[in-house]
Amino acid sequence: MSSPTSLGDVLHNKLSQNNPLKNQIESAELVQVVKNVMVELFGEELAKEANPLFLKNRTITISCSSSVIAQEIRLNQAEIVQRINNLLGKSDVDRIRYLA
């Protein structure tokens, strides 16, 4: 008779595989990292006007509620990308697409 597998081991094995749950967790982590970077660079009030949506083809898409934040993102894109990748510990983001 085999011994029971711990819940922690089951979750670890499930998240180690390339599956939708793992992708959703990574997406949620990325969105939070982008929000944190926006607050660091632009402050709470201006950062509220930028809503990170998703990552596709190494491009993060951010919805902007004003042209001011869209312009700030454009001007600071290289620094934003660098900070995001540093916080993630990997180079998943190459550029930013912003919707104003």
PDB file of N, CA and C in Angstrom:
ATOM      1  N   MET A   1       0.846  -1.184   0.000  1.00  0.00           N
ATOM      2  CA  MET A   1       0.000   0.000   0.000  1.00  0.00           C
ATOM      3  C   MET A   1       0.888   1.243   0.000  1.00  0.00           C
ATOM      4  N   SER A   2       0.617   2.179  -0.873  1.00  0.00           N
ATOM      5  CA  SER A   2       1.446   3.378  -0.950  1.00  0.00           C
ATOM      6  C   SER A   2       0.989   4.397   0.089  1.00  0.00           C
ATOM      7  N   SER A   3       1.930   5.235   0.480  1.00  0.00           N
ATOM      8  CA  SER A   3       1.599   6.252   1.476  1.00  0.00           C
ATOM      9  C   SER A   3       0.864   7.416   0.813  1.00  0.00           C
ATOM     10  N   PRO A   4       0.006   8.095   1.544  1.00  0.00           N
ATOM     11  CA  PRO A   4      -0.745   9.215   0.963  1.00  0.00           C
ATOM     12  C   PRO A   4       0.195  10.370   0.592  1.00  0.00           C
ATOM     13  N   THR A   5      -0.179  11.089  -0.434  1.00  0.00           N
ATOM     14  CA  THR A   5       0.587  12.245  -0.891  1.00  0.00           C
ATOM     15  C   THR A   5       0.071  13.480  -0.168  1.00  0.00           C
ATOM     16  N   SER A   6       0.993  14.305   0.297  1.00  0.00           N
ATOM     17  CA  SER A   6       0.575  15.510   1.017  1.00  0.00           C
ATOM     18  C   SER A   6      -0.058  16.511   0.056  1.00  0.00           C
ATOM     19  N   LEU A   7      -0.930  17.342   0.589  1.00  0.00           N
ATOM     20  CA  LEU A   7      -1.595  18.366  -0.211  1.00  0.00           C
ATOM     21  C   LEU A   7      -0.569  19.326  -0.816  1.00  0.00           C
ATOM     22  N   GLY A   8       0.452  19.668  -0.029  1.00  0.00           N
ATOM     23  CA  GLY A   8       1.507  20.551  -0.528  1.00  0.00           C
ATOM     24  C   GLY A   8       2.208  19.970  -1.746  1.00  0.00           C
ATOM     25  N   ASP A   9       2.481  18.663  -1.704  1.00  0.00           N
ATOM     26  CA  ASP A   9       3.130  18.005  -2.844  1.00  0.00           C
ATOM     27  C   ASP A   9       2.227  17.995  -4.073  1.00  0.00           C
ATOM     28  N   VAL A  10       0.944  17.743  -3.846  1.00  0.00           N
ATOM     29  CA  VAL A  10      -0.011  17.733  -4.957  1.00  0.00           C
ATOM     30  C   VAL A  10      -0.075  19.109  -5.604  1.00  0.00           C
ATOM     31  N   LEU A  11      -0.182  20.164  -4.780  1.00  0.00           N
ATOM     32  CA  LEU A  11      -0.233  21.538  -5.325  1.00  0.00           C
ATOM     33  C   LEU A  11       1.051  21.897  -6.050  1.00  0.00           C
ATOM     34  N   HIS A  12       2.181  21.531  -5.463  1.00  0.00           N
ATOM     35  CA  HIS A  12       3.471  21.824  -6.098  1.00  0.00           C
ATOM     36  C   HIS A  12       3.565  21.145  -7.458  1.00  0.00           C
ATOM     37  N   ASN A  13       3.171  19.881  -7.522  1.00  0.00           N
ATOM     38  CA  ASN A  13       3.216  19.152  -8.792  1.00  0.00           C
ATOM     39  C   ASN A  13       2.269  19.773  -9.809  1.00  0.00           C
ATOM     40  N   LYS A  14       1.091  20.173  -9.353  1.00  0.00           N
ATOM     41  CA  LYS A  14       0.112  20.766 -10.249  1.00  0.00           C
ATOM     42  C   LYS A  14       0.617  22.102 -10.803  1.00  0.00           C
ATOM     43  N   LEU A  15       1.241  22.917  -9.942  1.00  0.00           N
ATOM     44  CA  LEU A  15       1.718  24.233 -10.373  1.00  0.00           C
ATOM     45  C   LEU A  15       3.030  24.139 -11.146  1.00  0.00           C
ATOM     46  N   SER A  16       3.735  23.019 -11.039  1.00  0.00           N
ATOM     47  CA  SER A  16       4.985  22.840 -11.772  1.00  0.00           C
ATOM     48  C   SER A  16       4.723  22.569 -13.239  1.00  0.00           C
ATOM     49  N   GLN A  17       3.565  22.040 -13.532  1.00  0.00           N
ATOM     50  CA  GLN A  17       3.214  21.726 -14.908  1.00  0.00           C
ATOM     51  C   GLN A  17       2.749  22.995 -15.618  1.00  0.00           C
ATOM     52  N   ASN A  18       2.867  22.983 -16.918  1.00  0.00           N
ATOM     53  CA  ASN A  18       2.379  24.119 -17.703  1.00  0.00           C
ATOM     54  C   ASN A  18       0.880  23.940 -17.894  1.00  0.00           C
ATOM     55  N   ASN A  19       0.104  24.554 -17.029  1.00  0.00           N
ATOM     56  CA  ASN A  19      -1.344  24.405 -17.097  1.00  0.00           C
ATOM     57  C   ASN A  19      -2.021  25.757 -16.895  1.00  0.00           C
ATOM     58  N   PRO A  20      -3.318  25.830 -17.152  1.00  0.00           N
ATOM     59  CA  PRO A  20      -4.038  27.107 -17.033  1.00  0.00           C
ATOM     60  C   PRO A  20      -3.956  27.732 -15.642  1.00  0.00           C
ATOM     61  N   LEU A  21      -3.991  26.931 -14.591  1.00  0.00           N
ATOM     62  CA  LEU A  21      -3.906  27.479 -13.236  1.00  0.00           C
ATOM     63  C   LEU A  21      -2.581  28.189 -13.012  1.00  0.00           C
ATOM     64  N   LYS A  22      -1.499  27.571 -13.442  1.00  0.00           N
ATOM     65  CA  LYS A  22      -0.175  28.180 -13.313  1.00  0.00           C
ATOM     66  C   LYS A  22      -0.120  29.490 -14.107  1.00  0.00           C
ATOM     67  N   ASN A  23      -0.665  29.481 -15.310  1.00  0.00           N
ATOM     68  CA  ASN A  23      -0.663  30.687 -16.145  1.00  0.00           C
ATOM     69  C   ASN A  23      -1.468  31.812 -15.509  1.00  0.00           C
ATOM     70  N   GLN A  24      -2.602  31.479 -14.894  1.00  0.00           N
ATOM     71  CA  GLN A  24      -3.421  32.496 -14.234  1.00  0.00           C
ATOM     72  C   GLN A  24      -2.699  33.097 -13.039  1.00  0.00           C
ATOM     73  N   ILE A  25      -2.015  32.266 -12.268  1.00  0.00           N
ATOM     74  CA  ILE A  25      -1.265  32.757 -11.113  1.00  0.00           C
ATOM     75  C   ILE A  25      -0.138  33.678 -11.560  1.00  0.00           C
ATOM     76  N   GLU A  26       0.585  33.285 -12.613  1.00  0.00           N
ATOM     77  CA  GLU A  26       1.668  34.123 -13.130  1.00  0.00           C
ATOM     78  C   GLU A  26       1.131  35.441 -13.682  1.00  0.00           C
ATOM     79  N   SER A  27      -0.023  35.407 -14.346  1.00  0.00           N
ATOM     80  CA  SER A  27      -0.628  36.636 -14.872  1.00  0.00           C
ATOM     81  C   SER A  27      -1.026  37.582 -13.746  1.00  0.00           C
ATOM     82  N   ALA A  28      -1.619  37.029 -12.703  1.00  0.00           N
ATOM     83  CA  ALA A  28      -2.019  37.849 -11.554  1.00  0.00           C
ATOM     84  C   ALA A  28      -0.792  38.454 -10.882  1.00  0.00           C
ATOM     85  N   GLU A  29       0.281  37.682 -10.780  1.00  0.00           N
ATOM     86  CA  GLU A  29       1.521  38.189 -10.192  1.00  0.00           C
ATOM     87  C   GLU A  29       2.084  39.330 -11.037  1.00  0.00           C
ATOM     88  N   LEU A  30       2.075  39.165 -12.347  1.00  0.00           N
ATOM     89  CA  LEU A  30       2.585  40.201 -13.241  1.00  0.00           C
ATOM     90  C   LEU A  30       1.780  41.489 -13.117  1.00  0.00           C
ATOM     91  N   VAL A  31       0.454  41.376 -13.080  1.00  0.00           N
ATOM     92  CA  VAL A  31      -0.401  42.563 -12.953  1.00  0.00           C
ATOM     93  C   VAL A  31      -0.073  43.302 -11.660  1.00  0.00           C
ATOM     94  N   GLN A  32       0.108  42.570 -10.569  1.00  0.00           N
ATOM     95  CA  GLN A  32       0.432  43.204  -9.289  1.00  0.00           C
ATOM     96  C   GLN A  32       1.802  43.873  -9.331  1.00  0.00           C
ATOM     97  N   VAL A  33       2.768  43.241  -9.964  1.00  0.00           N
ATOM     98  CA  VAL A  33       4.104  43.827 -10.089  1.00  0.00           C
ATOM     99  C   VAL A  33       4.029  45.131 -10.886  1.00  0.00           C
ATOM    100  N   VAL A  34       3.276  45.131 -11.979  1.00  0.00           N
ATOM    101  CA  VAL A  34       3.142  46.345 -12.795  1.00  0.00           C
ATOM    102  C   VAL A  34       2.488  47.462 -11.982  1.00  0.00           C
ATOM    103  N   LYS A  35       1.448  47.129 -11.223  1.00  0.00           N
ATOM    104  CA  LYS A  35       0.798  48.138 -10.374  1.00  0.00           C
ATOM    105  C   LYS A  35       1.781  48.720  -9.372  1.00  0.00           C
ATOM    106  N   ASN A  36       2.585  47.870  -8.762  1.00  0.00           N
ATOM    107  CA  ASN A  36       3.578  48.336  -7.791  1.00  0.00           C
ATOM    108  C   ASN A  36       4.598  49.260  -8.438  1.00  0.00           C
ATOM    109  N   VAL A  37       5.057  48.913  -9.634  1.00  0.00           N
ATOM    110  CA  VAL A  37       6.029  49.750 -10.344  1.00  0.00           C
ATOM    111  C   VAL A  37       5.410  51.100 -10.670  1.00  0.00           C
ATOM    112  N   MET A  38       4.158  51.110 -11.102  1.00  0.00           N
ATOM    113  CA  MET A  38       3.481  52.372 -11.419  1.00  0.00           C
ATOM    114  C   MET A  38       3.393  53.269 -10.184  1.00  0.00           C
ATOM    115  N   VAL A  39       3.063  52.698  -9.044  1.00  0.00           N
ATOM    116  CA  VAL A  39       2.977  53.479  -7.807  1.00  0.00           C
ATOM    117  C   VAL A  39       4.348  54.032  -7.446  1.00  0.00           C
ATOM    118  N   GLU A  40       5.392  53.216  -7.568  1.00  0.00           N
ATOM    119  CA  GLU A  40       6.762  53.665  -7.256  1.00  0.00           C
ATOM    120  C   GLU A  40       7.171  54.842  -8.131  1.00  0.00           C
ATOM    121  N   LEU A  41       6.874  54.760  -9.411  1.00  0.00           N
ATOM    122  CA  LEU A  41       7.328  55.787 -10.351  1.00  0.00           C
ATOM    123  C   LEU A  41       6.445  57.035 -10.370  1.00  0.00           C
ATOM    124  N   PHE A  42       5.132  56.854 -10.262  1.00  0.00           N
ATOM    125  CA  PHE A  42       4.222  57.965 -10.495  1.00  0.00           C
ATOM    126  C   PHE A  42       3.406  58.387  -9.284  1.00  0.00           C
ATOM    127  N   GLY A  43       3.483  57.645  -8.194  1.00  0.00           N
ATOM    128  CA  GLY A  43       2.692  57.963  -7.018  1.00  0.00           C
ATOM    129  C   GLY A  43       1.306  57.337  -7.106  1.00  0.00           C
ATOM    130  N   GLU A  44       0.639  57.272  -5.956  1.00  0.00           N
ATOM    131  CA  GLU A  44      -0.662  56.603  -5.848  1.00  0.00           C
ATOM    132  C   GLU A  44      -1.715  57.190  -6.795  1.00  0.00           C
ATOM    133  N   GLU A  45      -1.852  58.507  -6.797  1.00  0.00           N
ATOM    134  CA  GLU A  45      -2.934  59.140  -7.561  1.00  0.00           C
ATOM    135  C   GLU A  45      -2.803  58.926  -9.064  1.00  0.00           C
ATOM    136  N   LEU A  46      -1.632  59.180  -9.619  1.00  0.00           N
ATOM    137  CA  LEU A  46      -1.441  59.015 -11.057  1.00  0.00           C
ATOM    138  C   LEU A  46      -1.459  57.544 -11.443  1.00  0.00           C
ATOM    139  N   ALA A  47      -0.939  56.676 -10.586  1.00  0.00           N
ATOM    140  CA  ALA A  47      -0.907  55.237 -10.874  1.00  0.00           C
ATOM    141  C   ALA A  47      -2.310  54.645 -10.950  1.00  0.00           C
ATOM    142  N   LYS A  48      -3.283  55.254 -10.273  1.00  0.00           N
ATOM    143  CA  LYS A  48      -4.658  54.765 -10.331  1.00  0.00           C
ATOM    144  C   LYS A  48      -5.237  54.873 -11.739  1.00  0.00           C
ATOM    145  N   GLU A  49      -4.633  55.720 -12.556  1.00  0.00           N
ATOM    146  CA  GLU A  49      -5.124  55.932 -13.911  1.00  0.00           C
ATOM    147  C   GLU A  49      -4.546  54.937 -14.916  1.00  0.00           C
ATOM    148  N   ALA A  50      -3.704  54.014 -14.441  1.00  0.00           N
ATOM    149  CA  ALA A  50      -3.110  52.991 -15.302  1.00  0.00           C
ATOM    150  C   ALA A  50      -3.523  51.621 -14.791  1.00  0.00           C
ATOM    151  N   ASN A  51      -4.188  50.858 -15.642  1.00  0.00           N
ATOM    152  CA  ASN A  51      -4.679  49.541 -15.254  1.00  0.00           C
ATOM    153  C   ASN A  51      -4.032  48.467 -16.130  1.00  0.00           C
ATOM    154  N   PRO A  52      -3.048  47.727 -15.592  1.00  0.00           N
ATOM    155  CA  PRO A  52      -2.429  46.661 -16.384  1.00  0.00           C
ATOM    156  C   PRO A  52      -3.446  45.559 -16.671  1.00  0.00           C
ATOM    157  N   LEU A  53      -3.491  45.102 -17.922  1.00  0.00           N
ATOM    158  CA  LEU A  53      -4.497  44.132 -18.327  1.00  0.00           C
ATOM    159  C   LEU A  53      -3.940  42.726 -18.507  1.00  0.00           C
ATOM    160  N   PHE A  54      -2.917  42.583 -19.371  1.00  0.00           N
ATOM    161  CA  PHE A  54      -2.397  41.253 -19.663  1.00  0.00           C
ATOM    162  C   PHE A  54      -1.035  41.353 -20.362  1.00  0.00           C
ATOM    163  N   LEU A  55      -0.372  40.205 -20.422  1.00  0.00           N
ATOM    164  CA  LEU A  55       0.901  40.070 -21.133  1.00  0.00           C
ATOM    165  C   LEU A  55       0.676  39.149 -22.319  1.00  0.00           C
ATOM    166  N   LYS A  56       1.068  39.600 -23.496  1.00  0.00           N
ATOM    167  CA  LYS A  56       0.978  38.773 -24.696  1.00  0.00           C
ATOM    168  C   LYS A  56       2.164  39.100 -25.586  1.00  0.00           C
ATOM    169  N   ASN A  57       2.844  38.078 -26.033  1.00  0.00           N
ATOM    170  CA  ASN A  57       4.017  38.244 -26.900  1.00  0.00           C
ATOM    171  C   ASN A  57       5.040  39.194 -26.287  1.00  0.00           C
ATOM    172  N   ARG A  58       5.267  39.021 -24.981  1.00  0.00           N
ATOM    173  CA  ARG A  58       6.264  39.777 -24.223  1.00  0.00           C
ATOM    174  C   ARG A  58       5.935  41.278 -24.142  1.00  0.00           C
ATOM    175  N   THR A  59       4.672  41.636 -24.422  1.00  0.00           N
ATOM    176  CA  THR A  59       4.210  43.021 -24.354  1.00  0.00           C
ATOM    177  C   THR A  59       3.107  43.114 -23.315  1.00  0.00           C
ATOM    178  N   ILE A  60       3.290  44.002 -22.339  1.00  0.00           N
ATOM    179  CA  ILE A  60       2.261  44.230 -21.326  1.00  0.00           C
ATOM    180  C   ILE A  60       1.321  45.316 -21.847  1.00  0.00           C
ATOM    181  N   THR A  61       0.034  45.068 -21.771  1.00  0.00           N
ATOM    182  CA  THR A  61      -0.962  46.042 -22.201  1.00  0.00           C
ATOM    183  C   THR A  61      -1.540  46.718 -20.970  1.00  0.00           C
ATOM    184  N   ILE A  62      -1.549  48.056 -21.011  1.00  0.00           N
ATOM    185  CA  ILE A  62      -2.035  48.856 -19.897  1.00  0.00           C
ATOM    186  C   ILE A  62      -3.104  49.807 -20.414  1.00  0.00           C
ATOM    187  N   SER A  63      -4.260  49.792 -19.760  1.00  0.00           N
ATOM    188  CA  SER A  63      -5.331  50.719 -20.085  1.00  0.00           C
ATOM    189  C   SER A  63      -5.128  51.999 -19.272  1.00  0.00           C
ATOM    190  N   CYS A  64      -5.128  53.127 -19.955  1.00  0.00           N
ATOM    191  CA  CYS A  64      -4.897  54.420 -19.299  1.00  0.00           C
ATOM    192  C   CYS A  64      -6.163  55.265 -19.366  1.00  0.00           C
ATOM    193  N   SER A  65      -6.557  55.821 -18.228  1.00  0.00           N
ATOM    194  CA  SER A  65      -7.772  56.629 -18.199  1.00  0.00           C
ATOM    195  C   SER A  65      -7.513  58.086 -18.555  1.00  0.00           C
ATOM    196  N   SER A  66      -6.238  58.438 -18.757  1.00  0.00           N
ATOM    197  CA  SER A  66      -5.933  59.806 -19.182  1.00  0.00           C
ATOM    198  C   SER A  66      -4.713  59.794 -20.108  1.00  0.00           C
ATOM    199  N   SER A  67      -4.646  60.807 -20.929  1.00  0.00           N
ATOM    200  CA  SER A  67      -3.503  60.915 -21.830  1.00  0.00           C
ATOM    201  C   SER A  67      -2.231  61.271 -21.064  1.00  0.00           C
ATOM    202  N   VAL A  68      -2.376  61.860 -19.888  1.00  0.00           N
ATOM    203  CA  VAL A  68      -1.214  62.227 -19.067  1.00  0.00           C
ATOM    204  C   VAL A  68      -0.447  60.981 -18.651  1.00  0.00           C
ATOM    205  N   ILE A  69      -1.149  59.969 -18.127  1.00  0.00           N
ATOM    206  CA  ILE A  69      -0.464  58.753 -17.694  1.00  0.00           C
ATOM    207  C   ILE A  69       0.066  57.982 -18.902  1.00  0.00           C
ATOM    208  N   ALA A  70      -0.661  58.000 -20.015  1.00  0.00           N
ATOM    209  CA  ALA A  70      -0.173  57.334 -21.227  1.00  0.00           C
ATOM    210  C   ALA A  70       1.149  57.954 -21.681  1.00  0.00           C
ATOM    211  N   GLN A  71       1.232  59.279 -21.641  1.00  0.00           N
ATOM    212  CA  GLN A  71       2.462  59.982 -22.021  1.00  0.00           C
ATOM    213  C   GLN A  71       3.594  59.645 -21.051  1.00  0.00           C
ATOM    214  N   GLU A  72       3.304  59.600 -19.754  1.00  0.00           N
ATOM    215  CA  GLU A  72       4.327  59.257 -18.756  1.00  0.00           C
ATOM    216  C   GLU A  72       4.848  57.832 -18.975  1.00  0.00           C
ATOM    217  N   ILE A  73       3.948  56.921 -19.294  1.00  0.00           N
ATOM    218  CA  ILE A  73       4.362  55.543 -19.563  1.00  0.00           C
ATOM    219  C   ILE A  73       5.251  55.498 -20.795  1.00  0.00           C
ATOM    220  N   ARG A  74       4.855  56.205 -21.837  1.00  0.00           N
ATOM    221  CA  ARG A  74       5.655  56.242 -23.067  1.00  0.00           C
ATOM    222  C   ARG A  74       7.053  56.775 -22.800  1.00  0.00           C
ATOM    223  N   LEU A  75       7.147  57.861 -22.040  1.00  0.00           N
ATOM    224  CA  LEU A  75       8.436  58.476 -21.756  1.00  0.00           C
ATOM    225  C   LEU A  75       9.324  57.616 -20.853  1.00  0.00           C
ATOM    226  N   ASN A  76       8.719  56.799 -20.018  1.00  0.00           N
ATOM    227  CA  ASN A  76       9.457  55.995 -19.043  1.00  0.00           C
ATOM    228  C   ASN A  76       9.414  54.498 -19.336  1.00  0.00           C
ATOM    229  N   GLN A  77       9.069  54.130 -20.564  1.00  0.00           N
ATOM    230  CA  GLN A  77       8.874  52.722 -20.901  1.00  0.00           C
ATOM    231  C   GLN A  77      10.088  51.850 -20.572  1.00  0.00           C
ATOM    232  N   ALA A  78      11.276  52.267 -20.933  1.00  0.00           N
ATOM    233  CA  ALA A  78      12.471  51.446 -20.695  1.00  0.00           C
ATOM    234  C   ALA A  78      12.674  51.183 -19.202  1.00  0.00           C
ATOM    235  N   GLU A  79      12.504  52.197 -18.384  1.00  0.00           N
ATOM    236  CA  GLU A  79      12.671  52.036 -16.943  1.00  0.00           C
ATOM    237  C   GLU A  79      11.573  51.148 -16.354  1.00  0.00           C
ATOM    238  N   ILE A  80      10.359  51.318 -16.822  1.00  0.00           N
ATOM    239  CA  ILE A  80       9.247  50.498 -16.333  1.00  0.00           C
ATOM    240  C   ILE A  80       9.496  49.025 -16.648  1.00  0.00           C
ATOM    241  N   VAL A  81       9.875  48.743 -17.899  1.00  0.00           N
ATOM    242  CA  VAL A  81      10.153  47.363 -18.315  1.00  0.00           C
ATOM    243  C   VAL A  81      11.280  46.769 -17.478  1.00  0.00           C
ATOM    244  N   GLN A  82      12.332  47.539 -17.272  1.00  0.00           N
ATOM    245  CA  GLN A  82      13.471  47.047 -16.479  1.00  0.00           C
ATOM    246  C   GLN A  82      13.035  46.725 -15.047  1.00  0.00           C
ATOM    247  N   ARG A  83      12.262  47.606 -14.437  1.00  0.00           N
ATOM    248  CA  ARG A  83      11.807  47.371 -13.051  1.00  0.00           C
ATOM    249  C   ARG A  83      10.897  46.150 -12.954  1.00  0.00           C
ATOM    250  N   ILE A  84      10.003  46.006 -13.923  1.00  0.00           N
ATOM    251  CA  ILE A  84       9.109  44.846 -13.927  1.00  0.00           C
ATOM    252  C   ILE A  84       9.930  43.561 -13.992  1.00  0.00           C
ATOM    253  N   ASN A  85      10.848  43.493 -14.938  1.00  0.00           N
ATOM    254  CA  ASN A  85      11.664  42.294 -15.099  1.00  0.00           C
ATOM    255  C   ASN A  85      12.536  42.033 -13.872  1.00  0.00           C
ATOM    256  N   ASN A  86      13.061  43.091 -13.261  1.00  0.00           N
ATOM    257  CA  ASN A  86      13.859  42.913 -12.043  1.00  0.00           C
ATOM    258  C   ASN A  86      13.021  42.329 -10.911  1.00  0.00           C
ATOM    259  N   LEU A  87      11.808  42.827 -10.740  1.00  0.00           N
ATOM    260  CA  LEU A  87      10.941  42.324  -9.679  1.00  0.00           C
ATOM    261  C   LEU A  87      10.479  40.888  -9.936  1.00  0.00           C
ATOM    262  N   LEU A  88      10.294  40.549 -11.213  1.00  0.00           N
ATOM    263  CA  LEU A  88       9.893  39.189 -11.555  1.00  0.00           C
ATOM    264  C   LEU A  88      11.068  38.215 -11.475  1.00  0.00           C
ATOM    265  N   GLY A  89      12.277  38.750 -11.614  1.00  0.00           N
ATOM    266  CA  GLY A  89      13.459  37.894 -11.607  1.00  0.00           C
ATOM    267  C   GLY A  89      13.690  37.194 -12.928  1.00  0.00           C
ATOM    268  N   LYS A  90      13.040  37.670 -13.967  1.00  0.00           N
ATOM    269  CA  LYS A  90      13.217  37.108 -15.303  1.00  0.00           C
ATOM    270  C   LYS A  90      12.803  38.157 -16.330  1.00  0.00           C
ATOM    271  N   SER A  91      13.205  37.967 -17.565  1.00  0.00           N
ATOM    272  CA  SER A  91      12.926  38.942 -18.619  1.00  0.00           C
ATOM    273  C   SER A  91      11.713  38.521 -19.436  1.00  0.00           C
ATOM    274  N   ASP A  92      10.536  38.696 -18.864  1.00  0.00           N
ATOM    275  CA  ASP A  92       9.294  38.319 -19.538  1.00  0.00           C
ATOM    276  C   ASP A  92       8.699  39.456 -20.363  1.00  0.00           C
ATOM    277  N   VAL A  93       9.080  40.691 -20.061  1.00  0.00           N
ATOM    278  CA  VAL A  93       8.474  41.855 -20.708  1.00  0.00           C
ATOM    279  C   VAL A  93       9.518  42.587 -21.544  1.00  0.00           C
ATOM    280  N   ASP A  94       9.163  42.870 -22.796  1.00  0.00           N
ATOM    281  CA  ASP A  94      10.047  43.627 -23.698  1.00  0.00           C
ATOM    282  C   ASP A  94       9.551  45.051 -23.938  1.00  0.00           C
ATOM    283  N   ARG A  95       8.231  45.206 -23.924  1.00  0.00           N
ATOM    284  CA  ARG A  95       7.687  46.529 -24.223  1.00  0.00           C
ATOM    285  C   ARG A  95       6.323  46.694 -23.591  1.00  0.00           C
ATOM    286  N   ILE A  96       5.811  47.920 -23.689  1.00  0.00           N
ATOM    287  CA  ILE A  96       4.504  48.259 -23.115  1.00  0.00           C
ATOM    288  C   ILE A  96       3.616  48.794 -24.226  1.00  0.00           C
ATOM    289  N   ARG A  97       2.401  48.324 -24.245  1.00  0.00           N
ATOM    290  CA  ARG A  97       1.368  48.853 -25.132  1.00  0.00           C
ATOM    291  C   ARG A  97       0.367  49.541 -24.215  1.00  0.00           C
ATOM    292  N   TYR A  98       0.059  50.775 -24.490  1.00  0.00           N
ATOM    293  CA  TYR A  98      -0.864  51.501 -23.630  1.00  0.00           C
ATOM    294  C   TYR A  98      -2.062  51.969 -24.441  1.00  0.00           C
ATOM    295  N   LEU A  99      -3.208  51.811 -23.850  1.00  0.00           N
ATOM    296  CA  LEU A  99      -4.458  52.212 -24.476  1.00  0.00           C
ATOM    297  C   LEU A  99      -4.968  53.444 -23.746  1.00  0.00           C
ATOM    298  N   ALA A 100      -5.154  54.527 -24.469  1.00  0.00           N
ATOM    299  CA  ALA A 100      -5.605  55.774 -23.831  1.00  0.00           C
ATOM    300  C   ALA A 100      -7.004  56.121 -24.296  1.00  0.00           C
TER     301      ALA A 100
END
